[in-house]
Amino acid sequence: MTQPFTFEVNPPPTFHLGPIPVTPTVWMTWVLMGVLTALALVIRRQIARGERSGLRTVFEAMMEYLDGQIEEIVRRPPGRYFPLIATLFIFIVFANLVSAVPRVASPTADIACTAALALLVFLAVPVYGIAERGPGGYLRGYLKPTPFMLPFNIIGELSRTLALAVRLFGNVMSGAVLAGVLVSVGGIIAAPIGMLGLLTGVIQAYIFAILAMVYIGGAVQAAERKRQDEDKEPSRQN
């Protein structure tokens, strides 16, 4: 008889490091970090030796595409923003894909993980904005178009961070629940649904990265708009 499918949003700790509980989300995140670090070292060695491989080709294609997307959306040389965006994208892709491994929970199916990723973007926006515009110029952006918009601009910053976390968590969790339900009732069409879930995981990583670019671009491009307005002022006076 098929056992009913159960899904734990807050799974119990797998083990403890002293008084610190280590949940599946935590240890799986560290496993992924180790795997990605090892892959990066392998690819770096291949580049240094001039070796070609399928792994290197795939990663180079992804990196070149992200590089072009950053330059197109942020409208700045991508070097400053690439490490953060690429790291977020690659981690989320791999975190979503591990859900295809039996009995392995995806870290992104835990709201704590997706909230931490969204918090990184939330903190990166003012860091890049201040680096581009200075502290005063960035903070004055919250007072535009009028000072009355200050609370609404702050709420907007917080709400879009929450949306980033909930969107990624909801899509990954719903895919895991659907796959589990199909397996529990027979598993006849679980494979196609599982492949669709993997594709959705990659798409969700891409959407997360694109939104991060949009938010960062909005923070740094305000300086460009200000310079354009200042350039127009002399011509108006003449």
C-alpha atoms as a PDB file:
ATOM      1  CA  MET A   1       0.000   0.000   0.000  1.00  0.00           C
ATOM      2  CA  THR A   2       1.322   3.430  -0.944  1.00  0.00           C
ATOM      3  CA  GLN A   3       2.272   5.559   2.022  1.00  0.00           C
ATOM      4  CA  PRO A   4       0.763   9.048   2.182  1.00  0.00           C
ATOM      5  CA  PHE A   5       3.104  11.857   1.252  1.00  0.00           C
ATOM      6  CA  THR A   6       4.177  14.218   4.014  1.00  0.00           C
ATOM      7  CA  PHE A   7       6.072  17.468   3.711  1.00  0.00           C
ATOM      8  CA  GLU A   8       7.797  19.209   6.612  1.00  0.00           C
ATOM      9  CA  VAL A   9       8.185  22.942   6.264  1.00  0.00           C
ATOM     10  CA  ASN A  10      10.388  23.106   9.381  1.00  0.00           C
ATOM     11  CA  PRO A  11      12.229  19.769   9.517  1.00  0.00           C
ATOM     12  CA  PRO A  12      13.835  18.766  12.824  1.00  0.00           C
ATOM     13  CA  PRO A  13      17.612  19.101  13.251  1.00  0.00           C
ATOM     14  CA  THR A  14      19.702  16.295  11.798  1.00  0.00           C
ATOM     15  CA  PHE A  15      22.314  16.677  14.533  1.00  0.00           C
ATOM     16  CA  HIS A  16      23.722  19.246  16.956  1.00  0.00           C
ATOM     17  CA  LEU A  17      27.072  21.009  17.132  1.00  0.00           C
ATOM     18  CA  GLY A  18      27.096  21.593  20.850  1.00  0.00           C
ATOM     19  CA  PRO A  19      23.993  23.679  21.580  1.00  0.00           C
ATOM     20  CA  ILE A  20      23.541  24.609  17.894  1.00  0.00           C
ATOM     21  CA  PRO A  21      20.959  22.551  15.973  1.00  0.00           C
ATOM     22  CA  VAL A  22      21.975  21.713  12.401  1.00  0.00           C
ATOM     23  CA  THR A  23      18.948  21.343  10.141  1.00  0.00           C
ATOM     24  CA  PRO A  24      18.930  19.677   6.696  1.00  0.00           C
ATOM     25  CA  THR A  25      18.878  23.146   5.143  1.00  0.00           C
ATOM     26  CA  VAL A  26      22.104  24.123   6.913  1.00  0.00           C
ATOM     27  CA  TRP A  27      24.153  21.024   6.180  1.00  0.00           C
ATOM     28  CA  MET A  28      22.896  20.781   2.597  1.00  0.00           C
ATOM     29  CA  THR A  29      23.871  24.415   2.050  1.00  0.00           C
ATOM     30  CA  TRP A  30      27.394  23.662   3.256  1.00  0.00           C
ATOM     31  CA  VAL A  31      27.565  20.578   1.034  1.00  0.00           C
ATOM     32  CA  LEU A  32      26.575  22.690  -1.968  1.00  0.00           C
ATOM     33  CA  MET A  33      29.155  25.325  -1.058  1.00  0.00           C
ATOM     34  CA  GLY A  34      31.825  22.612  -0.950  1.00  0.00           C
ATOM     35  CA  VAL A  35      30.736  21.131  -4.288  1.00  0.00           C
ATOM     36  CA  LEU A  36      30.639  24.530  -6.002  1.00  0.00           C
ATOM     37  CA  THR A  37      34.044  25.460  -4.582  1.00  0.00           C
ATOM     38  CA  ALA A  38      35.495  22.188  -5.883  1.00  0.00           C
ATOM     39  CA  LEU A  39      33.960  22.762  -9.319  1.00  0.00           C
ATOM     40  CA  ALA A  40      35.372  26.293  -9.406  1.00  0.00           C
ATOM     41  CA  LEU A  41      38.859  24.973  -8.607  1.00  0.00           C
ATOM     42  CA  VAL A  42      38.593  22.316 -11.312  1.00  0.00           C
ATOM     43  CA  ILE A  43      37.476  24.860 -13.912  1.00  0.00           C
ATOM     44  CA  ARG A  44      40.211  27.300 -12.876  1.00  0.00           C
ATOM     45  CA  ARG A  45      42.824  24.563 -13.314  1.00  0.00           C
ATOM     46  CA  GLN A  46      41.414  23.704 -16.747  1.00  0.00           C
ATOM     47  CA  ILE A  47      41.578  27.350 -17.784  1.00  0.00           C
ATOM     48  CA  ALA A  48      45.159  27.658 -16.525  1.00  0.00           C
ATOM     49  CA  ARG A  49      46.181  24.554 -18.498  1.00  0.00           C
ATOM     50  CA  GLY A  50      44.187  25.507 -21.573  1.00  0.00           C
ATOM     51  CA  GLU A  51      42.044  22.364 -21.301  1.00  0.00           C
ATOM     52  CA  ARG A  52      38.539  22.182 -22.726  1.00  0.00           C
ATOM     53  CA  SER A  53      35.726  20.162 -21.179  1.00  0.00           C
ATOM     54  CA  GLY A  54      31.956  20.043 -21.200  1.00  0.00           C
ATOM     55  CA  LEU A  55      31.893  21.380 -17.631  1.00  0.00           C
ATOM     56  CA  ARG A  56      34.026  24.375 -18.539  1.00  0.00           C
ATOM     57  CA  THR A  57      31.985  25.060 -21.675  1.00  0.00           C
ATOM     58  CA  VAL A  58      28.685  25.048 -19.778  1.00  0.00           C
ATOM     59  CA  PHE A  59      29.942  27.332 -17.042  1.00  0.00           C
ATOM     60  CA  GLU A  60      31.614  29.726 -19.462  1.00  0.00           C
ATOM     61  CA  ALA A  61      28.382  29.963 -21.456  1.00  0.00           C
ATOM     62  CA  MET A  62      26.405  30.768 -18.301  1.00  0.00           C
ATOM     63  CA  MET A  63      28.941  33.336 -17.147  1.00  0.00           C
ATOM     64  CA  GLU A  64      29.084  35.072 -20.531  1.00  0.00           C
ATOM     65  CA  TYR A  65      25.301  35.268 -20.633  1.00  0.00           C
ATOM     66  CA  LEU A  66      25.090  36.711 -17.114  1.00  0.00           C
ATOM     67  CA  ASP A  67      27.854  39.166 -17.972  1.00  0.00           C
ATOM     68  CA  GLY A  68      25.842  40.471 -20.921  1.00  0.00           C
ATOM     69  CA  GLN A  69      22.634  40.640 -18.889  1.00  0.00           C
ATOM     70  CA  ILE A  70      24.295  42.688 -16.138  1.00  0.00           C
ATOM     71  CA  GLU A  71      25.717  45.158 -18.646  1.00  0.00           C
ATOM     72  CA  GLU A  72      22.329  45.466 -20.360  1.00  0.00           C
ATOM     73  CA  ILE A  73      20.215  45.868 -17.214  1.00  0.00           C
ATOM     74  CA  VAL A  74      22.534  47.689 -14.808  1.00  0.00           C
ATOM     75  CA  ARG A  75      24.125  49.711 -17.666  1.00  0.00           C
ATOM     76  CA  ARG A  76      27.509  49.608 -16.046  1.00  0.00           C
ATOM     77  CA  PRO A  77      30.667  47.545 -16.600  1.00  0.00           C
ATOM     78  CA  PRO A  78      29.693  44.207 -15.052  1.00  0.00           C
ATOM     79  CA  GLY A  79      32.931  43.589 -13.174  1.00  0.00           C
ATOM     80  CA  ARG A  80      31.736  45.154  -9.919  1.00  0.00           C
ATOM     81  CA  TYR A  81      28.374  43.355  -9.860  1.00  0.00           C
ATOM     82  CA  PHE A  82      29.237  40.043 -11.490  1.00  0.00           C
ATOM     83  CA  PRO A  83      30.549  38.148  -8.396  1.00  0.00           C
ATOM     84  CA  LEU A  84      27.338  38.669  -6.419  1.00  0.00           C
ATOM     85  CA  ILE A  85      24.913  38.014  -9.283  1.00  0.00           C
ATOM     86  CA  ALA A  86      26.772  34.956 -10.578  1.00  0.00           C
ATOM     87  CA  THR A  87      27.117  33.492  -7.083  1.00  0.00           C
ATOM     88  CA  LEU A  88      23.409  33.896  -6.380  1.00  0.00           C
ATOM     89  CA  PHE A  89      22.433  32.381  -9.720  1.00  0.00           C
ATOM     90  CA  ILE A  90      24.734  29.350  -9.534  1.00  0.00           C
ATOM     91  CA  PHE A  91      23.889  28.588  -5.910  1.00  0.00           C
ATOM     92  CA  ILE A  92      20.132  28.795  -6.506  1.00  0.00           C
ATOM     93  CA  VAL A  93      20.381  26.615  -9.636  1.00  0.00           C
ATOM     94  CA  PHE A  94      22.240  23.878  -7.789  1.00  0.00           C
ATOM     95  CA  ALA A  95      20.066  24.238  -4.677  1.00  0.00           C
ATOM     96  CA  ASN A  96      16.963  23.759  -6.816  1.00  0.00           C
ATOM     97  CA  LEU A  97      18.407  20.856  -8.791  1.00  0.00           C
ATOM     98  CA  VAL A  98      19.294  18.765  -5.723  1.00  0.00           C
ATOM     99  CA  SER A  99      15.575  18.298  -5.175  1.00  0.00           C
ATOM    100  CA  ALA A 100      15.796  15.645  -7.921  1.00  0.00           C
ATOM    101  CA  VAL A 101      17.981  13.510  -5.628  1.00  0.00           C
ATOM    102  CA  PRO A 102      15.857  11.087  -3.547  1.00  0.00           C
ATOM    103  CA  ARG A 103      15.618  11.933   0.136  1.00  0.00           C
ATOM    104  CA  VAL A 104      17.556  15.187  -0.308  1.00  0.00           C
ATOM    105  CA  ALA A 105      15.751  18.389   0.599  1.00  0.00           C
ATOM    106  CA  SER A 106      16.454  21.497  -1.427  1.00  0.00           C
ATOM    107  CA  PRO A 107      17.721  24.380   0.745  1.00  0.00           C
ATOM    108  CA  THR A 108      15.548  26.761  -1.262  1.00  0.00           C
ATOM    109  CA  ALA A 109      12.474  24.849  -0.102  1.00  0.00           C
ATOM    110  CA  ASP A 110      13.143  26.414   3.318  1.00  0.00           C
ATOM    111  CA  ILE A 111      11.944  30.001   3.788  1.00  0.00           C
ATOM    112  CA  ALA A 112      14.987  30.665   6.000  1.00  0.00           C
ATOM    113  CA  CYS A 113      17.336  30.042   3.057  1.00  0.00           C
ATOM    114  CA  THR A 114      15.374  32.122   0.550  1.00  0.00           C
ATOM    115  CA  ALA A 115      15.024  34.921   3.112  1.00  0.00           C
ATOM    116  CA  ALA A 116      18.803  34.924   3.602  1.00  0.00           C
ATOM    117  CA  LEU A 117      19.342  35.163  -0.172  1.00  0.00           C
ATOM    118  CA  ALA A 118      16.835  38.010  -0.420  1.00  0.00           C
ATOM    119  CA  LEU A 119      18.567  39.738   2.504  1.00  0.00           C
ATOM    120  CA  LEU A 120      21.846  39.637   0.572  1.00  0.00           C
ATOM    121  CA  VAL A 121      20.180  41.507  -2.286  1.00  0.00           C
ATOM    122  CA  PHE A 122      18.550  43.932   0.164  1.00  0.00           C
ATOM    123  CA  LEU A 123      21.958  44.790   1.648  1.00  0.00           C
ATOM    124  CA  ALA A 124      23.728  44.878  -1.727  1.00  0.00           C
ATOM    125  CA  VAL A 125      21.411  47.556  -3.141  1.00  0.00           C
ATOM    126  CA  PRO A 126      22.490  50.351  -0.726  1.00  0.00           C
ATOM    127  CA  VAL A 127      26.120  49.200  -0.837  1.00  0.00           C
ATOM    128  CA  TYR A 128      26.279  49.589  -4.608  1.00  0.00           C
ATOM    129  CA  GLY A 129      24.093  52.686  -4.518  1.00  0.00           C
ATOM    130  CA  ILE A 130      26.313  54.435  -1.973  1.00  0.00           C
ATOM    131  CA  ALA A 131      29.453  53.393  -3.854  1.00  0.00           C
ATOM    132  CA  GLU A 132      28.047  55.024  -6.998  1.00  0.00           C
ATOM    133  CA  ARG A 133      26.287  58.075  -5.569  1.00  0.00           C
ATOM    134  CA  GLY A 134      27.759  58.638  -2.109  1.00  0.00           C
ATOM    135  CA  PRO A 135      25.826  58.328   1.176  1.00  0.00           C
ATOM    136  CA  GLY A 136      23.994  61.643   0.807  1.00  0.00           C
ATOM    137  CA  GLY A 137      23.028  61.098  -2.798  1.00  0.00           C
ATOM    138  CA  TYR A 138      21.718  57.620  -2.116  1.00  0.00           C
ATOM    139  CA  LEU A 139      19.710  58.573   0.965  1.00  0.00           C
ATOM    140  CA  ARG A 140      18.188  61.571  -0.820  1.00  0.00           C
ATOM    141  CA  GLY A 141      16.720  59.116  -3.285  1.00  0.00           C
ATOM    142  CA  TYR A 142      14.230  58.056  -0.599  1.00  0.00           C
ATOM    143  CA  LEU A 143      12.880  61.617  -0.541  1.00  0.00           C
ATOM    144  CA  LYS A 144      12.007  61.711  -4.235  1.00  0.00           C
ATOM    145  CA  PRO A 145       9.863  62.837  -5.880  1.00  0.00           C
ATOM    146  CA  THR A 146       8.748  64.468  -2.589  1.00  0.00           C
ATOM    147  CA  PRO A 147       9.737  63.971   1.077  1.00  0.00           C
ATOM    148  CA  PHE A 148       6.233  62.592   1.700  1.00  0.00           C
ATOM    149  CA  MET A 149       7.299  59.500  -0.246  1.00  0.00           C
ATOM    150  CA  LEU A 150       9.893  58.503   2.381  1.00  0.00           C
ATOM    151  CA  PRO A 151       7.732  55.920   4.210  1.00  0.00           C
ATOM    152  CA  PHE A 152       6.399  54.506   0.942  1.00  0.00           C
ATOM    153  CA  ASN A 153       9.885  54.152  -0.510  1.00  0.00           C
ATOM    154  CA  ILE A 154      11.056  52.328   2.614  1.00  0.00           C
ATOM    155  CA  ILE A 155       8.019  50.037   2.521  1.00  0.00           C
ATOM    156  CA  GLY A 156       8.731  49.373  -1.144  1.00  0.00           C
ATOM    157  CA  GLU A 157      12.296  48.285  -0.340  1.00  0.00           C
ATOM    158  CA  LEU A 158      11.075  45.909   2.365  1.00  0.00           C
ATOM    159  CA  SER A 159       8.163  44.497   0.378  1.00  0.00           C
ATOM    160  CA  ARG A 160      10.235  43.634  -2.680  1.00  0.00           C
ATOM    161  CA  THR A 161      12.741  41.837  -0.433  1.00  0.00           C
ATOM    162  CA  LEU A 162       9.894  39.816   1.057  1.00  0.00           C
ATOM    163  CA  ALA A 163       8.581  39.102  -2.436  1.00  0.00           C
ATOM    164  CA  LEU A 164      11.986  37.765  -3.522  1.00  0.00           C
ATOM    165  CA  ALA A 165      12.086  35.337  -0.607  1.00  0.00           C
ATOM    166  CA  VAL A 166       8.477  34.165  -0.846  1.00  0.00           C
ATOM    167  CA  ARG A 167       8.486  33.766  -4.649  1.00  0.00           C
ATOM    168  CA  LEU A 168      11.508  31.475  -4.683  1.00  0.00           C
ATOM    169  CA  PHE A 169      10.392  29.519  -1.616  1.00  0.00           C
ATOM    170  CA  GLY A 170       6.842  29.073  -2.893  1.00  0.00           C
ATOM    171  CA  ASN A 171       7.847  27.797  -6.327  1.00  0.00           C
ATOM    172  CA  VAL A 172      10.433  25.338  -5.047  1.00  0.00           C
ATOM    173  CA  MET A 173       8.224  24.041  -2.245  1.00  0.00           C
ATOM    174  CA  SER A 174       5.193  23.640  -4.509  1.00  0.00           C
ATOM    175  CA  GLY A 175       7.272  21.634  -6.983  1.00  0.00           C
ATOM    176  CA  ALA A 176       8.523  19.352  -4.210  1.00  0.00           C
ATOM    177  CA  VAL A 177       5.009  18.838  -2.860  1.00  0.00           C
ATOM    178  CA  LEU A 178       3.607  18.064  -6.316  1.00  0.00           C
ATOM    179  CA  ALA A 179       6.356  15.557  -7.094  1.00  0.00           C
ATOM    180  CA  GLY A 180       5.886  13.890  -3.712  1.00  0.00           C
ATOM    181  CA  VAL A 181       2.137  13.601  -4.180  1.00  0.00           C
ATOM    182  CA  LEU A 182       2.579  12.015  -7.612  1.00  0.00           C
ATOM    183  CA  VAL A 183       5.079   9.513  -6.236  1.00  0.00           C
ATOM    184  CA  SER A 184       2.758   8.644  -3.368  1.00  0.00           C
ATOM    185  CA  VAL A 185      -0.142   7.874  -5.719  1.00  0.00           C
ATOM    186  CA  GLY A 186       1.840   5.673  -8.069  1.00  0.00           C
ATOM    187  CA  GLY A 187       4.649   7.646  -9.662  1.00  0.00           C
ATOM    188  CA  ILE A 188       3.443   6.991 -13.207  1.00  0.00           C
ATOM    189  CA  ILE A 189       3.862  10.573 -14.373  1.00  0.00           C
ATOM    190  CA  ALA A 190       6.325  11.675 -11.726  1.00  0.00           C
ATOM    191  CA  ALA A 191       9.328  11.646 -14.098  1.00  0.00           C
ATOM    192  CA  PRO A 192       7.932  14.225 -16.553  1.00  0.00           C
ATOM    193  CA  ILE A 193       6.771  16.387 -13.680  1.00  0.00           C
ATOM    194  CA  GLY A 194      10.210  16.032 -12.113  1.00  0.00           C
ATOM    195  CA  MET A 195      11.886  17.237 -15.315  1.00  0.00           C
ATOM    196  CA  LEU A 196       9.480  20.159 -15.413  1.00  0.00           C
ATOM    197  CA  GLY A 197      10.403  20.911 -11.818  1.00  0.00           C
ATOM    198  CA  LEU A 198      14.104  21.001 -12.712  1.00  0.00           C
ATOM    199  CA  LEU A 199      13.406  23.394 -15.574  1.00  0.00           C
ATOM    200  CA  THR A 200      11.322  25.550 -13.237  1.00  0.00           C
ATOM    201  CA  GLY A 201      14.190  25.570 -10.746  1.00  0.00           C
ATOM    202  CA  VAL A 202      16.581  26.985 -13.346  1.00  0.00           C
ATOM    203  CA  ILE A 203      14.000  29.560 -14.431  1.00  0.00           C
ATOM    204  CA  GLN A 204      13.433  30.636 -10.824  1.00  0.00           C
ATOM    205  CA  ALA A 205      17.181  31.116 -10.351  1.00  0.00           C
ATOM    206  CA  TYR A 206      17.269  33.237 -13.494  1.00  0.00           C
ATOM    207  CA  ILE A 207      14.312  35.347 -12.336  1.00  0.00           C
ATOM    208  CA  PHE A 208      15.935  35.886  -8.935  1.00  0.00           C
ATOM    209  CA  ALA A 209      19.186  37.004 -10.582  1.00  0.00           C
ATOM    210  CA  ILE A 210      17.366  39.314 -13.013  1.00  0.00           C
ATOM    211  CA  LEU A 211      15.399  40.969 -10.209  1.00  0.00           C
ATOM    212  CA  ALA A 212      18.613  41.472  -8.240  1.00  0.00           C
ATOM    213  CA  MET A 213      20.100  43.192 -11.313  1.00  0.00           C
ATOM    214  CA  VAL A 214      17.020  45.395 -11.672  1.00  0.00           C
ATOM    215  CA  TYR A 215      17.111  46.493  -8.023  1.00  0.00           C
ATOM    216  CA  ILE A 216      20.851  47.207  -8.117  1.00  0.00           C
ATOM    217  CA  GLY A 217      20.496  48.962 -11.454  1.00  0.00           C
ATOM    218  CA  GLY A 218      17.779  51.200 -10.043  1.00  0.00           C
ATOM    219  CA  ALA A 219      20.095  52.226  -7.209  1.00  0.00           C
ATOM    220  CA  VAL A 220      23.128  53.053  -9.362  1.00  0.00           C
ATOM    221  CA  GLN A 221      21.369  54.514 -12.407  1.00  0.00           C
ATOM    222  CA  ALA A 222      19.828  57.277 -10.316  1.00  0.00           C
ATOM    223  CA  ALA A 223      23.261  58.911 -10.301  1.00  0.00           C
ATOM    224  CA  GLU A 224      23.282  58.863 -14.091  1.00  0.00           C
ATOM    225  CA  ARG A 225      19.819  60.444 -14.238  1.00  0.00           C
ATOM    226  CA  LYS A 226      20.989  63.149 -11.824  1.00  0.00           C
ATOM    227  CA  ARG A 227      24.025  63.945 -14.010  1.00  0.00           C
ATOM    228  CA  GLN A 228      21.799  64.145 -17.067  1.00  0.00           C
ATOM    229  CA  ASP A 229      19.510  66.617 -15.284  1.00  0.00           C
ATOM    230  CA  GLU A 230      22.519  68.696 -14.230  1.00  0.00           C
ATOM    231  CA  ASP A 231      23.814  68.743 -17.807  1.00  0.00           C
ATOM    232  CA  LYS A 232      20.478  70.014 -19.017  1.00  0.00           C
ATOM    233  CA  GLU A 233      20.418  72.924 -16.574  1.00  0.00           C
ATOM    234  CA  PRO A 234      23.180  75.009 -18.261  1.00  0.00           C
ATOM    235  CA  SER A 235      21.531  74.573 -21.655  1.00  0.00           C
ATOM    236  CA  ARG A 236      18.222  75.775 -20.242  1.00  0.00           C
ATOM    237  CA  GLN A 237      19.888  78.823 -18.727  1.00  0.00           C
ATOM    238  CA  ASN A 238      21.543  79.658 -22.035  1.00  0.00           C
END
